[in-house]
N, C-alpha and C. Protein backbone atom coordinates (compact mmCIF):
# COMPACT_ATOMS: atom_id res chain seq x y z
N MET A 1 0.82 -1.21 0.00
CA MET A 1 0.00 0.00 0.00
C MET A 1 0.86 1.26 0.00
N ILE A 2 2.01 1.20 0.67
CA ILE A 2 2.90 2.36 0.72
C ILE A 2 3.75 2.45 -0.53
N ASN A 3 3.91 1.33 -1.25
CA ASN A 3 4.79 1.32 -2.42
C ASN A 3 4.41 2.37 -3.46
N GLN A 4 3.13 2.69 -3.55
CA GLN A 4 2.71 3.67 -4.56
C GLN A 4 3.30 5.04 -4.31
N TYR A 5 3.76 5.29 -3.09
CA TYR A 5 4.38 6.57 -2.76
C TYR A 5 5.90 6.50 -2.76
N LEU A 6 6.45 5.29 -2.82
CA LEU A 6 7.89 5.09 -2.75
C LEU A 6 8.53 4.84 -4.12
N TYR A 7 7.69 4.49 -5.09
CA TYR A 7 8.17 4.26 -6.45
C TYR A 7 7.46 5.21 -7.39
N SER A 8 8.20 5.77 -8.33
CA SER A 8 7.58 6.70 -9.27
C SER A 8 6.69 5.96 -10.25
N GLN A 9 7.00 4.68 -10.53
CA GLN A 9 6.17 3.89 -11.43
C GLN A 9 6.04 2.48 -10.86
N LEU A 10 4.80 2.03 -10.72
CA LEU A 10 4.53 0.66 -10.31
C LEU A 10 3.83 -0.07 -11.45
N PRO A 11 4.10 -1.36 -11.62
CA PRO A 11 3.44 -2.11 -12.68
C PRO A 11 2.01 -2.52 -12.33
N TYR A 12 1.52 -2.01 -11.21
CA TYR A 12 0.15 -2.33 -10.80
C TYR A 12 -0.39 -1.18 -9.97
N ASP A 13 -1.71 -1.14 -9.86
CA ASP A 13 -2.37 -0.17 -8.98
C ASP A 13 -2.74 -0.92 -7.70
N PRO A 14 -2.18 -0.53 -6.56
CA PRO A 14 -2.38 -1.31 -5.34
C PRO A 14 -3.82 -1.31 -4.83
N ILE A 15 -4.66 -0.43 -5.34
CA ILE A 15 -6.07 -0.43 -4.94
C ILE A 15 -6.95 -0.97 -6.05
N ALA A 16 -6.81 -0.43 -7.26
CA ALA A 16 -7.73 -0.78 -8.34
C ALA A 16 -7.52 -2.19 -8.89
N ASP A 17 -6.30 -2.73 -8.76
CA ASP A 17 -6.00 -4.01 -9.39
C ASP A 17 -6.26 -5.22 -8.49
N PHE A 18 -6.83 -5.00 -7.31
CA PHE A 18 -7.05 -6.12 -6.40
C PHE A 18 -8.46 -6.08 -5.80
N ALA A 19 -8.94 -7.24 -5.44
CA ALA A 19 -10.23 -7.37 -4.75
C ALA A 19 -9.96 -7.71 -3.30
N PRO A 20 -10.19 -6.78 -2.36
CA PRO A 20 -9.93 -7.05 -0.95
C PRO A 20 -10.78 -8.22 -0.44
N ILE A 21 -10.16 -9.09 0.34
CA ILE A 21 -10.89 -10.23 0.93
C ILE A 21 -11.10 -10.00 2.41
N THR A 22 -10.03 -9.89 3.17
CA THR A 22 -10.16 -9.67 4.61
C THR A 22 -8.82 -9.32 5.23
N LEU A 23 -8.86 -8.59 6.30
CA LEU A 23 -7.70 -8.50 7.17
C LEU A 23 -7.38 -9.88 7.70
N VAL A 24 -6.13 -10.11 8.03
CA VAL A 24 -5.72 -11.37 8.65
C VAL A 24 -5.16 -11.12 10.05
N ALA A 25 -4.35 -10.07 10.18
CA ALA A 25 -3.75 -9.80 11.49
C ALA A 25 -3.36 -8.33 11.58
N LYS A 26 -3.36 -7.82 12.81
CA LYS A 26 -2.90 -6.47 13.10
C LYS A 26 -1.95 -6.56 14.29
N THR A 27 -0.67 -6.34 14.05
CA THR A 27 0.28 -6.43 15.15
C THR A 27 0.16 -5.21 16.07
N MET A 28 0.77 -5.30 17.22
CA MET A 28 0.79 -4.20 18.17
C MET A 28 2.10 -3.43 18.02
N GLY A 29 2.03 -2.18 17.61
CA GLY A 29 3.23 -1.37 17.50
C GLY A 29 3.73 -0.95 18.87
N LEU A 30 5.03 -1.11 19.09
CA LEU A 30 5.63 -0.80 20.39
C LEU A 30 6.81 0.15 20.25
N LEU A 31 6.96 1.02 21.21
CA LEU A 31 8.14 1.88 21.35
C LEU A 31 9.00 1.26 22.44
N VAL A 32 10.24 0.91 22.12
CA VAL A 32 11.06 0.07 23.00
C VAL A 32 12.46 0.64 23.15
N VAL A 33 13.02 0.52 24.36
CA VAL A 33 14.41 0.87 24.63
C VAL A 33 15.08 -0.31 25.34
N ASN A 34 16.39 -0.24 25.45
CA ASN A 34 17.11 -1.22 26.24
C ASN A 34 16.76 -1.04 27.71
N ALA A 35 16.63 -2.13 28.44
CA ALA A 35 16.21 -2.04 29.84
C ALA A 35 17.22 -1.30 30.71
N SER A 36 18.48 -1.25 30.28
CA SER A 36 19.49 -0.54 31.07
C SER A 36 19.52 0.95 30.77
N SER A 37 18.71 1.40 29.82
CA SER A 37 18.67 2.82 29.46
C SER A 37 18.14 3.65 30.62
N ASP A 38 18.62 4.89 30.71
CA ASP A 38 18.08 5.79 31.73
C ASP A 38 16.75 6.40 31.29
N THR A 39 16.30 6.02 30.10
CA THR A 39 15.00 6.46 29.60
C THR A 39 13.92 5.54 30.14
N LYS A 40 13.14 6.03 31.08
CA LYS A 40 12.15 5.19 31.75
C LYS A 40 10.75 5.31 31.15
N THR A 41 10.46 6.43 30.51
CA THR A 41 9.14 6.66 29.95
C THR A 41 9.28 7.28 28.56
N ALA A 42 8.19 7.26 27.80
CA ALA A 42 8.19 7.90 26.49
C ALA A 42 8.41 9.40 26.60
N LYS A 43 7.89 9.98 27.67
CA LYS A 43 8.10 11.41 27.89
C LYS A 43 9.58 11.71 28.14
N ASP A 44 10.25 10.82 28.88
CA ASP A 44 11.69 10.95 29.10
C ASP A 44 12.44 10.94 27.77
N LEU A 45 12.01 10.04 26.87
CA LEU A 45 12.68 9.91 25.58
C LEU A 45 12.58 11.20 24.78
N ILE A 46 11.41 11.80 24.75
CA ILE A 46 11.23 13.04 24.02
C ILE A 46 12.08 14.15 24.63
N ALA A 47 12.10 14.23 25.94
CA ALA A 47 12.90 15.25 26.62
C ALA A 47 14.39 15.06 26.31
N LYS A 48 14.84 13.83 26.30
CA LYS A 48 16.24 13.53 26.00
C LYS A 48 16.58 13.91 24.57
N ALA A 49 15.68 13.60 23.64
CA ALA A 49 15.90 13.93 22.24
C ALA A 49 15.94 15.44 22.02
N LYS A 50 15.09 16.17 22.74
CA LYS A 50 15.10 17.63 22.61
C LYS A 50 16.38 18.24 23.17
N ALA A 51 16.94 17.59 24.18
CA ALA A 51 18.18 18.09 24.78
C ALA A 51 19.40 17.75 23.93
N GLN A 52 19.25 16.77 23.03
CA GLN A 52 20.38 16.33 22.20
C GLN A 52 19.95 16.23 20.74
N PRO A 53 19.65 17.34 20.09
CA PRO A 53 19.15 17.30 18.71
C PRO A 53 20.09 16.54 17.78
N GLY A 54 19.51 15.62 17.01
CA GLY A 54 20.29 14.88 16.02
C GLY A 54 21.19 13.80 16.58
N LYS A 55 21.11 13.53 17.86
CA LYS A 55 22.02 12.57 18.49
C LYS A 55 21.41 11.19 18.69
N LEU A 56 20.09 11.10 18.86
CA LEU A 56 19.46 9.81 19.14
C LEU A 56 19.08 9.10 17.85
N ASN A 57 19.28 7.79 17.83
CA ASN A 57 18.94 6.97 16.67
C ASN A 57 17.64 6.22 16.90
N CYS A 58 16.78 6.24 15.90
CA CYS A 58 15.53 5.48 15.92
C CYS A 58 15.69 4.28 14.99
N GLY A 59 15.55 3.07 15.52
CA GLY A 59 15.73 1.87 14.72
C GLY A 59 14.40 1.30 14.26
N ALA A 60 14.37 0.80 13.03
CA ALA A 60 13.15 0.20 12.48
C ALA A 60 13.52 -0.73 11.35
N GLY A 61 12.66 -1.76 11.13
CA GLY A 61 13.00 -2.78 10.16
C GLY A 61 12.00 -3.00 9.05
N THR A 62 10.87 -2.29 9.07
CA THR A 62 9.88 -2.39 7.98
C THR A 62 9.62 -0.99 7.46
N ILE A 63 9.01 -0.91 6.28
CA ILE A 63 8.69 0.40 5.73
C ILE A 63 7.80 1.17 6.69
N THR A 64 6.79 0.51 7.25
CA THR A 64 5.86 1.19 8.15
C THR A 64 6.57 1.73 9.38
N THR A 65 7.43 0.92 10.00
CA THR A 65 8.09 1.40 11.23
C THR A 65 9.16 2.44 10.92
N LYS A 66 9.79 2.34 9.76
CA LYS A 66 10.76 3.37 9.38
C LYS A 66 10.06 4.72 9.22
N LEU A 67 8.90 4.70 8.56
CA LEU A 67 8.14 5.94 8.42
C LEU A 67 7.60 6.41 9.77
N THR A 68 7.32 5.46 10.66
CA THR A 68 6.87 5.84 12.01
C THR A 68 7.95 6.63 12.74
N CYS A 69 9.22 6.28 12.54
CA CYS A 69 10.31 7.05 13.14
C CYS A 69 10.24 8.51 12.71
N TYR A 70 10.03 8.74 11.40
CA TYR A 70 9.93 10.11 10.90
C TYR A 70 8.67 10.81 11.43
N LEU A 71 7.57 10.09 11.45
CA LEU A 71 6.32 10.68 11.93
C LEU A 71 6.42 11.05 13.40
N PHE A 72 7.00 10.17 14.20
CA PHE A 72 7.18 10.43 15.62
C PHE A 72 8.04 11.67 15.84
N ALA A 73 9.15 11.76 15.12
CA ALA A 73 10.04 12.92 15.28
C ALA A 73 9.31 14.21 14.91
N SER A 74 8.55 14.16 13.81
CA SER A 74 7.82 15.35 13.37
C SER A 74 6.77 15.77 14.38
N LYS A 75 5.96 14.83 14.84
CA LYS A 75 4.88 15.15 15.77
C LYS A 75 5.40 15.56 17.14
N ALA A 76 6.53 14.97 17.56
CA ALA A 76 7.08 15.27 18.88
C ALA A 76 7.98 16.51 18.87
N GLY A 77 8.30 17.01 17.68
CA GLY A 77 9.17 18.19 17.58
C GLY A 77 10.61 17.89 17.95
N ILE A 78 11.10 16.69 17.55
CA ILE A 78 12.46 16.30 17.88
C ILE A 78 13.23 15.99 16.61
N ASP A 79 14.55 15.95 16.72
CA ASP A 79 15.43 15.67 15.60
C ASP A 79 16.17 14.37 15.91
N THR A 80 15.77 13.28 15.26
CA THR A 80 16.44 11.99 15.47
C THR A 80 16.89 11.44 14.13
N VAL A 81 17.72 10.41 14.17
CA VAL A 81 18.30 9.82 12.96
C VAL A 81 17.77 8.39 12.80
N LEU A 82 17.27 8.08 11.61
CA LEU A 82 16.78 6.73 11.34
C LEU A 82 17.95 5.79 11.15
N LEU A 83 17.93 4.67 11.88
CA LEU A 83 18.87 3.58 11.65
C LEU A 83 18.05 2.42 11.10
N ALA A 84 18.20 2.18 9.80
CA ALA A 84 17.35 1.21 9.11
C ALA A 84 17.92 -0.20 9.24
N TYR A 85 17.05 -1.13 9.60
CA TYR A 85 17.42 -2.54 9.69
C TYR A 85 16.62 -3.33 8.66
N ASN A 86 17.05 -4.56 8.44
CA ASN A 86 16.34 -5.46 7.53
C ASN A 86 15.53 -6.46 8.34
N GLY A 87 14.40 -6.01 8.88
CA GLY A 87 13.52 -6.91 9.59
C GLY A 87 13.62 -6.83 11.10
N SER A 88 12.67 -7.47 11.76
CA SER A 88 12.52 -7.38 13.21
C SER A 88 13.65 -8.04 13.98
N ALA A 89 14.22 -9.12 13.44
CA ALA A 89 15.32 -9.80 14.15
C ALA A 89 16.50 -8.85 14.31
N GLU A 90 16.82 -8.09 13.26
CA GLU A 90 17.92 -7.13 13.33
C GLU A 90 17.58 -5.99 14.28
N VAL A 91 16.33 -5.56 14.27
CA VAL A 91 15.89 -4.50 15.18
C VAL A 91 16.10 -4.92 16.63
N ALA A 92 15.66 -6.13 16.96
CA ALA A 92 15.80 -6.64 18.33
C ALA A 92 17.27 -6.72 18.72
N HIS A 93 18.11 -7.19 17.81
CA HIS A 93 19.55 -7.28 18.11
C HIS A 93 20.15 -5.89 18.30
N GLY A 94 19.70 -4.94 17.47
CA GLY A 94 20.24 -3.58 17.58
C GLY A 94 19.95 -2.93 18.90
N ILE A 95 18.71 -3.06 19.39
CA ILE A 95 18.37 -2.42 20.66
C ILE A 95 18.93 -3.22 21.84
N LEU A 96 19.06 -4.54 21.67
CA LEU A 96 19.63 -5.37 22.73
C LEU A 96 21.10 -5.05 22.94
N THR A 97 21.82 -4.77 21.85
CA THR A 97 23.25 -4.48 21.94
C THR A 97 23.53 -2.98 22.09
N LYS A 98 22.49 -2.19 22.22
CA LYS A 98 22.60 -0.74 22.39
C LYS A 98 23.21 -0.05 21.17
N SER A 99 23.03 -0.67 20.00
CA SER A 99 23.50 -0.05 18.77
C SER A 99 22.58 1.07 18.33
N VAL A 100 21.39 1.12 18.91
CA VAL A 100 20.39 2.13 18.59
C VAL A 100 19.73 2.56 19.89
N ASP A 101 19.24 3.78 19.95
CA ASP A 101 18.71 4.32 21.20
C ASP A 101 17.28 3.89 21.50
N PHE A 102 16.45 3.81 20.47
CA PHE A 102 15.07 3.36 20.66
C PHE A 102 14.57 2.79 19.34
N VAL A 103 13.55 1.95 19.42
CA VAL A 103 13.03 1.33 18.21
C VAL A 103 11.51 1.33 18.22
N PHE A 104 10.95 1.28 17.03
CA PHE A 104 9.55 0.97 16.83
C PHE A 104 9.48 -0.41 16.17
N ASP A 105 8.69 -1.31 16.75
CA ASP A 105 8.56 -2.63 16.16
C ASP A 105 7.33 -3.32 16.71
N GLY A 106 6.94 -4.42 16.07
CA GLY A 106 5.89 -5.27 16.59
C GLY A 106 6.46 -6.23 17.62
N PRO A 107 5.62 -7.05 18.23
CA PRO A 107 6.06 -7.90 19.33
C PRO A 107 6.86 -9.13 18.92
N SER A 108 6.83 -9.53 17.66
CA SER A 108 7.34 -10.85 17.29
C SER A 108 8.77 -11.10 17.76
N ALA A 109 9.65 -10.13 17.61
CA ALA A 109 11.05 -10.33 18.01
C ALA A 109 11.37 -9.71 19.37
N VAL A 110 10.74 -8.59 19.71
CA VAL A 110 11.12 -7.90 20.95
C VAL A 110 10.38 -8.41 22.18
N LEU A 111 9.21 -9.03 22.00
CA LEU A 111 8.42 -9.43 23.16
C LEU A 111 9.17 -10.39 24.10
N PRO A 112 9.83 -11.43 23.59
CA PRO A 112 10.56 -12.31 24.52
C PRO A 112 11.63 -11.57 25.32
N LEU A 113 12.22 -10.55 24.71
CA LEU A 113 13.26 -9.78 25.39
C LEU A 113 12.66 -8.78 26.38
N ILE A 114 11.44 -8.34 26.11
CA ILE A 114 10.72 -7.52 27.10
C ILE A 114 10.36 -8.39 28.30
N GLN A 115 9.88 -9.58 28.02
CA GLN A 115 9.48 -10.48 29.10
C GLN A 115 10.66 -10.97 29.93
N SER A 116 11.83 -11.06 29.30
CA SER A 116 13.03 -11.49 30.04
C SER A 116 13.66 -10.37 30.83
N GLY A 117 13.19 -9.12 30.58
CA GLY A 117 13.74 -7.98 31.30
C GLY A 117 14.91 -7.31 30.61
N ASP A 118 15.26 -7.75 29.38
CA ASP A 118 16.37 -7.15 28.66
C ASP A 118 15.98 -5.86 27.95
N LEU A 119 14.71 -5.76 27.56
CA LEU A 119 14.21 -4.55 26.90
C LEU A 119 13.06 -3.98 27.70
N ARG A 120 12.79 -2.68 27.48
CA ARG A 120 11.69 -2.02 28.18
C ARG A 120 10.75 -1.39 27.15
N ALA A 121 9.50 -1.77 27.19
CA ALA A 121 8.48 -1.14 26.34
C ALA A 121 8.03 0.15 27.01
N LEU A 122 8.07 1.26 26.26
CA LEU A 122 7.67 2.56 26.80
C LEU A 122 6.23 2.90 26.48
N ALA A 123 5.75 2.43 25.33
CA ALA A 123 4.39 2.78 24.91
C ALA A 123 3.94 1.85 23.80
N LYS A 124 2.62 1.77 23.63
CA LYS A 124 2.04 1.05 22.50
C LYS A 124 1.38 2.08 21.59
N LEU A 125 1.20 1.70 20.33
CA LEU A 125 0.75 2.67 19.33
C LEU A 125 -0.74 2.61 19.02
N ASP A 126 -1.48 1.77 19.73
CA ASP A 126 -2.93 1.82 19.63
C ASP A 126 -3.52 1.40 20.96
N GLY A 127 -4.83 1.53 21.09
CA GLY A 127 -5.46 1.38 22.39
C GLY A 127 -5.88 -0.02 22.78
N ARG A 128 -5.58 -1.03 21.95
CA ARG A 128 -5.96 -2.39 22.32
C ARG A 128 -5.23 -2.86 23.57
N PRO A 129 -5.83 -3.76 24.35
CA PRO A 129 -5.11 -4.34 25.49
C PRO A 129 -3.87 -5.09 25.00
N PHE A 130 -2.82 -5.03 25.80
CA PHE A 130 -1.59 -5.77 25.50
C PHE A 130 -1.24 -6.59 26.73
N PRO A 131 -1.81 -7.81 26.86
CA PRO A 131 -1.68 -8.60 28.09
C PRO A 131 -0.26 -8.82 28.60
N PRO A 132 0.77 -8.96 27.72
CA PRO A 132 2.12 -9.17 28.27
C PRO A 132 2.61 -7.99 29.12
N VAL A 133 2.13 -6.77 28.80
CA VAL A 133 2.48 -5.58 29.61
C VAL A 133 1.18 -4.83 29.83
N PRO A 134 0.35 -5.30 30.76
CA PRO A 134 -1.02 -4.78 30.88
C PRO A 134 -1.12 -3.30 31.22
N ALA A 135 -0.10 -2.74 31.89
CA ALA A 135 -0.16 -1.33 32.28
C ALA A 135 0.51 -0.42 31.26
N LEU A 136 0.92 -0.96 30.11
CA LEU A 136 1.63 -0.16 29.12
C LEU A 136 0.71 0.92 28.56
N PRO A 137 1.11 2.20 28.64
CA PRO A 137 0.24 3.27 28.13
C PRO A 137 0.35 3.42 26.62
N THR A 138 -0.65 4.03 26.02
CA THR A 138 -0.51 4.41 24.62
C THR A 138 0.44 5.59 24.53
N LEU A 139 1.02 5.78 23.36
CA LEU A 139 1.94 6.90 23.17
C LEU A 139 1.24 8.22 23.41
N VAL A 140 0.01 8.36 22.92
CA VAL A 140 -0.69 9.62 23.09
C VAL A 140 -1.02 9.87 24.55
N ALA A 141 -1.36 8.83 25.32
CA ALA A 141 -1.65 9.01 26.73
C ALA A 141 -0.39 9.36 27.51
N ALA A 142 0.73 8.79 27.10
CA ALA A 142 1.99 9.00 27.82
C ALA A 142 2.63 10.34 27.51
N THR A 143 2.43 10.85 26.29
CA THR A 143 3.17 12.03 25.86
C THR A 143 2.32 13.12 25.23
N GLY A 144 1.10 12.80 24.83
CA GLY A 144 0.29 13.76 24.08
C GLY A 144 0.60 13.76 22.60
N VAL A 145 1.58 12.95 22.17
CA VAL A 145 1.94 12.87 20.76
C VAL A 145 1.02 11.85 20.10
N ASP A 146 0.20 12.31 19.17
CA ASP A 146 -0.81 11.45 18.55
C ASP A 146 -0.40 11.08 17.13
N LEU A 147 -0.02 9.82 16.95
CA LEU A 147 0.34 9.33 15.63
C LEU A 147 -0.82 8.64 14.94
N GLY A 148 -1.99 8.60 15.61
CA GLY A 148 -3.08 7.78 15.12
C GLY A 148 -2.80 6.33 15.48
N ASP A 149 -3.76 5.46 15.29
CA ASP A 149 -3.54 4.04 15.56
C ASP A 149 -2.65 3.47 14.48
N LEU A 150 -1.42 3.13 14.83
CA LEU A 150 -0.47 2.60 13.87
C LEU A 150 -0.24 1.13 14.11
N THR A 151 -0.30 0.35 13.06
CA THR A 151 -0.06 -1.07 13.18
C THR A 151 0.44 -1.60 11.85
N VAL A 152 1.29 -2.62 11.92
CA VAL A 152 1.65 -3.35 10.72
C VAL A 152 0.57 -4.41 10.54
N TRP A 153 -0.14 -4.37 9.42
CA TRP A 153 -1.25 -5.29 9.23
C TRP A 153 -1.00 -6.20 8.06
N LEU A 154 -1.65 -7.35 8.11
CA LEU A 154 -1.57 -8.34 7.05
C LEU A 154 -2.98 -8.60 6.54
N GLY A 155 -3.13 -8.79 5.24
CA GLY A 155 -4.44 -9.05 4.69
C GLY A 155 -4.37 -9.91 3.45
N LEU A 156 -5.51 -10.34 2.98
CA LEU A 156 -5.60 -11.14 1.77
C LEU A 156 -6.37 -10.38 0.70
N VAL A 157 -5.86 -10.42 -0.51
CA VAL A 157 -6.55 -9.84 -1.65
C VAL A 157 -6.54 -10.86 -2.79
N ALA A 158 -7.44 -10.69 -3.72
CA ALA A 158 -7.52 -11.52 -4.92
C ALA A 158 -7.36 -10.62 -6.14
N PRO A 159 -7.12 -11.20 -7.31
CA PRO A 159 -7.02 -10.38 -8.52
C PRO A 159 -8.34 -9.63 -8.78
N ARG A 160 -8.22 -8.45 -9.34
CA ARG A 160 -9.40 -7.69 -9.73
C ARG A 160 -10.30 -8.54 -10.63
N GLY A 161 -11.59 -8.48 -10.39
CA GLY A 161 -12.53 -9.24 -11.21
C GLY A 161 -12.89 -10.59 -10.63
N THR A 162 -12.28 -10.97 -9.51
CA THR A 162 -12.66 -12.22 -8.86
C THR A 162 -14.13 -12.13 -8.45
N PRO A 163 -14.95 -13.13 -8.77
CA PRO A 163 -16.38 -13.06 -8.44
C PRO A 163 -16.63 -12.77 -6.96
N GLU A 164 -17.63 -11.95 -6.70
CA GLU A 164 -17.93 -11.56 -5.33
C GLU A 164 -18.24 -12.77 -4.45
N ALA A 165 -18.89 -13.79 -5.02
CA ALA A 165 -19.22 -14.98 -4.24
C ALA A 165 -17.96 -15.70 -3.79
N VAL A 166 -16.94 -15.72 -4.64
CA VAL A 166 -15.67 -16.36 -4.29
C VAL A 166 -14.96 -15.56 -3.20
N VAL A 167 -14.94 -14.25 -3.35
CA VAL A 167 -14.33 -13.38 -2.34
C VAL A 167 -15.03 -13.56 -1.00
N ALA A 168 -16.35 -13.58 -0.99
CA ALA A 168 -17.11 -13.74 0.25
C ALA A 168 -16.84 -15.08 0.90
N LYS A 169 -16.74 -16.14 0.09
CA LYS A 169 -16.47 -17.47 0.65
C LYS A 169 -15.07 -17.53 1.27
N LEU A 170 -14.10 -16.96 0.59
CA LEU A 170 -12.74 -16.93 1.12
C LEU A 170 -12.69 -16.16 2.44
N ALA A 171 -13.37 -15.01 2.49
CA ALA A 171 -13.40 -14.22 3.71
C ALA A 171 -14.01 -15.02 4.86
N GLY A 172 -15.09 -15.74 4.56
CA GLY A 172 -15.74 -16.53 5.60
C GLY A 172 -14.87 -17.66 6.10
N GLU A 173 -14.16 -18.32 5.19
CA GLU A 173 -13.30 -19.43 5.59
C GLU A 173 -12.12 -18.95 6.43
N VAL A 174 -11.55 -17.81 6.05
CA VAL A 174 -10.44 -17.25 6.83
C VAL A 174 -10.91 -16.88 8.23
N ALA A 175 -12.08 -16.25 8.31
CA ALA A 175 -12.63 -15.88 9.63
C ALA A 175 -12.85 -17.11 10.49
N LYS A 176 -13.31 -18.19 9.87
CA LYS A 176 -13.55 -19.43 10.61
C LYS A 176 -12.24 -20.00 11.15
N ILE A 177 -11.22 -20.01 10.31
CA ILE A 177 -9.92 -20.56 10.72
C ILE A 177 -9.30 -19.71 11.82
N LEU A 178 -9.27 -18.41 11.62
CA LEU A 178 -8.62 -17.54 12.59
C LEU A 178 -9.44 -17.37 13.87
N GLY A 179 -10.71 -17.73 13.81
CA GLY A 179 -11.54 -17.70 15.01
C GLY A 179 -11.37 -18.92 15.89
N ASP A 180 -10.69 -19.94 15.38
CA ASP A 180 -10.43 -21.14 16.18
C ASP A 180 -9.55 -20.77 17.37
N PRO A 181 -9.97 -21.11 18.59
CA PRO A 181 -9.21 -20.70 19.78
C PRO A 181 -7.75 -21.14 19.77
N GLU A 182 -7.48 -22.34 19.26
CA GLU A 182 -6.09 -22.82 19.25
C GLU A 182 -5.24 -22.03 18.26
N VAL A 183 -5.80 -21.76 17.07
CA VAL A 183 -5.08 -20.97 16.07
C VAL A 183 -4.84 -19.56 16.60
N LYS A 184 -5.87 -18.97 17.18
CA LYS A 184 -5.75 -17.61 17.72
C LYS A 184 -4.69 -17.54 18.81
N ALA A 185 -4.68 -18.54 19.71
CA ALA A 185 -3.71 -18.54 20.80
C ALA A 185 -2.28 -18.62 20.27
N ARG A 186 -2.08 -19.45 19.26
CA ARG A 186 -0.73 -19.57 18.69
C ARG A 186 -0.30 -18.27 18.00
N ALA A 187 -1.23 -17.66 17.29
CA ALA A 187 -0.91 -16.40 16.61
C ALA A 187 -0.65 -15.28 17.62
N ASP A 188 -1.49 -15.20 18.65
CA ASP A 188 -1.30 -14.19 19.68
C ASP A 188 0.06 -14.33 20.36
N ALA A 189 0.49 -15.58 20.56
CA ALA A 189 1.74 -15.83 21.28
C ALA A 189 2.96 -15.27 20.56
N VAL A 190 2.87 -15.13 19.23
CA VAL A 190 3.99 -14.56 18.48
C VAL A 190 3.69 -13.14 18.02
N GLY A 191 2.65 -12.53 18.58
CA GLY A 191 2.36 -11.13 18.30
C GLY A 191 1.67 -10.84 16.99
N LEU A 192 0.98 -11.84 16.41
CA LEU A 192 0.31 -11.61 15.14
C LEU A 192 -1.14 -11.15 15.28
N TYR A 193 -1.80 -11.46 16.37
CA TYR A 193 -3.13 -10.96 16.70
C TYR A 193 -4.12 -10.99 15.53
N PRO A 194 -4.74 -12.15 15.29
CA PRO A 194 -5.69 -12.27 14.20
C PRO A 194 -6.77 -11.19 14.24
N ALA A 195 -7.12 -10.70 13.06
CA ALA A 195 -8.19 -9.70 12.92
C ALA A 195 -8.81 -9.88 11.55
N THR A 196 -10.10 -10.13 11.51
CA THR A 196 -10.78 -10.31 10.22
C THR A 196 -11.92 -9.33 10.09
N ASP A 197 -12.33 -9.10 8.86
CA ASP A 197 -13.48 -8.23 8.60
C ASP A 197 -14.10 -8.63 7.26
N SER A 198 -15.12 -7.94 6.86
CA SER A 198 -15.78 -8.25 5.59
C SER A 198 -14.98 -7.65 4.44
N PRO A 199 -15.18 -8.14 3.22
CA PRO A 199 -14.50 -7.53 2.07
C PRO A 199 -14.74 -6.02 1.96
N ALA A 200 -15.97 -5.58 2.21
CA ALA A 200 -16.27 -4.15 2.12
C ALA A 200 -15.53 -3.37 3.20
N GLU A 201 -15.51 -3.92 4.40
CA GLU A 201 -14.80 -3.25 5.50
C GLU A 201 -13.30 -3.20 5.22
N PHE A 202 -12.76 -4.29 4.68
CA PHE A 202 -11.33 -4.32 4.37
C PHE A 202 -10.99 -3.32 3.26
N ALA A 203 -11.86 -3.20 2.27
CA ALA A 203 -11.65 -2.23 1.20
C ALA A 203 -11.59 -0.81 1.76
N ALA A 204 -12.50 -0.49 2.67
CA ALA A 204 -12.52 0.83 3.29
C ALA A 204 -11.27 1.05 4.14
N PHE A 205 -10.84 0.01 4.83
CA PHE A 205 -9.64 0.09 5.66
C PHE A 205 -8.41 0.37 4.81
N ILE A 206 -8.29 -0.32 3.67
CA ILE A 206 -7.15 -0.12 2.78
C ILE A 206 -7.11 1.32 2.28
N LYS A 207 -8.25 1.84 1.88
CA LYS A 207 -8.28 3.23 1.38
C LYS A 207 -7.92 4.22 2.47
N GLN A 208 -8.39 3.95 3.68
CA GLN A 208 -8.06 4.82 4.80
C GLN A 208 -6.56 4.79 5.09
N GLU A 209 -5.98 3.59 5.09
CA GLU A 209 -4.54 3.45 5.33
C GLU A 209 -3.74 4.15 4.25
N ALA A 210 -4.22 4.09 3.02
CA ALA A 210 -3.48 4.68 1.91
C ALA A 210 -3.35 6.19 2.03
N THR A 211 -4.29 6.83 2.73
CA THR A 211 -4.24 8.29 2.88
C THR A 211 -3.28 8.73 3.99
N ARG A 212 -2.83 7.78 4.80
CA ARG A 212 -2.03 8.11 5.98
C ARG A 212 -0.60 8.52 5.63
N TRP A 213 -0.05 7.95 4.53
CA TRP A 213 1.39 7.97 4.35
C TRP A 213 1.99 8.96 3.36
N PRO A 214 1.26 9.52 2.39
CA PRO A 214 1.93 10.38 1.41
C PRO A 214 2.74 11.52 2.03
N SER A 215 2.18 12.21 3.00
CA SER A 215 2.89 13.34 3.60
C SER A 215 4.10 12.88 4.39
N VAL A 216 4.01 11.69 5.00
CA VAL A 216 5.13 11.17 5.78
C VAL A 216 6.26 10.73 4.86
N VAL A 217 5.91 10.10 3.74
CA VAL A 217 6.93 9.71 2.76
C VAL A 217 7.64 10.96 2.24
N LYS A 218 6.88 12.01 1.94
CA LYS A 218 7.48 13.26 1.47
C LYS A 218 8.41 13.84 2.53
N LEU A 219 7.98 13.81 3.79
CA LEU A 219 8.79 14.31 4.88
C LEU A 219 10.10 13.54 5.00
N SER A 220 10.02 12.22 4.83
CA SER A 220 11.19 11.37 5.01
C SER A 220 12.18 11.48 3.86
N GLY A 221 11.66 11.80 2.67
CA GLY A 221 12.52 11.80 1.49
C GLY A 221 12.82 10.40 1.00
N MET A 222 12.16 9.41 1.55
CA MET A 222 12.43 8.01 1.18
C MET A 222 11.88 7.73 -0.21
N HIS A 223 12.70 7.13 -1.07
CA HIS A 223 12.26 6.77 -2.40
C HIS A 223 13.12 5.62 -2.89
N PHE A 224 12.53 4.72 -3.66
CA PHE A 224 13.25 3.50 -4.05
C PHE A 224 13.58 3.41 -5.53
N ASP A 225 13.33 4.46 -6.29
CA ASP A 225 13.75 4.45 -7.69
C ASP A 225 14.03 5.87 -8.16
């Protein structure tokens, strides 16, 4: 969905060329530091960044989280440097080894390290409950910095022109599978958090998400061609 803003020419239209089926999962976005850091809260982090313009590094491993680093800096009025990683495993290693000052990531790689006490979660990026850290505040509640509900999401689409009956059946089958308590428990345990909706709801969600990023991409200067 973000690729349309990162490439000057795409061989496909990310909205018009696909038939939305359903969301599959919405991860929980987390703001995380090393547990040995003197940064105890998200408000502390912003204060530290303001006191040291251009000195703190924000680590991220996906397009969404990399853009979140820029969005956070812009909304918080701070000057930080993006340290780009290739995926969540590298992000977790970077913050664990103190190669980066703070990171935005989903739970898949950092959650075990938060639970072991090696990393500290400062805030979550949406208001859903997060049972592993039940008292974790949202970023907006902790700092007043409102990024909107940010999440890395996964979904299913079919080629444009797929019959509506086929799309509806696929959506129903996915909802049935992901609604199974055992499947849901396994997905939740690795931070994938199943989430399904109707094809129409997913189509509206995709369009809404698509409007979120053009200004942030422009702010970041990120481009891939």
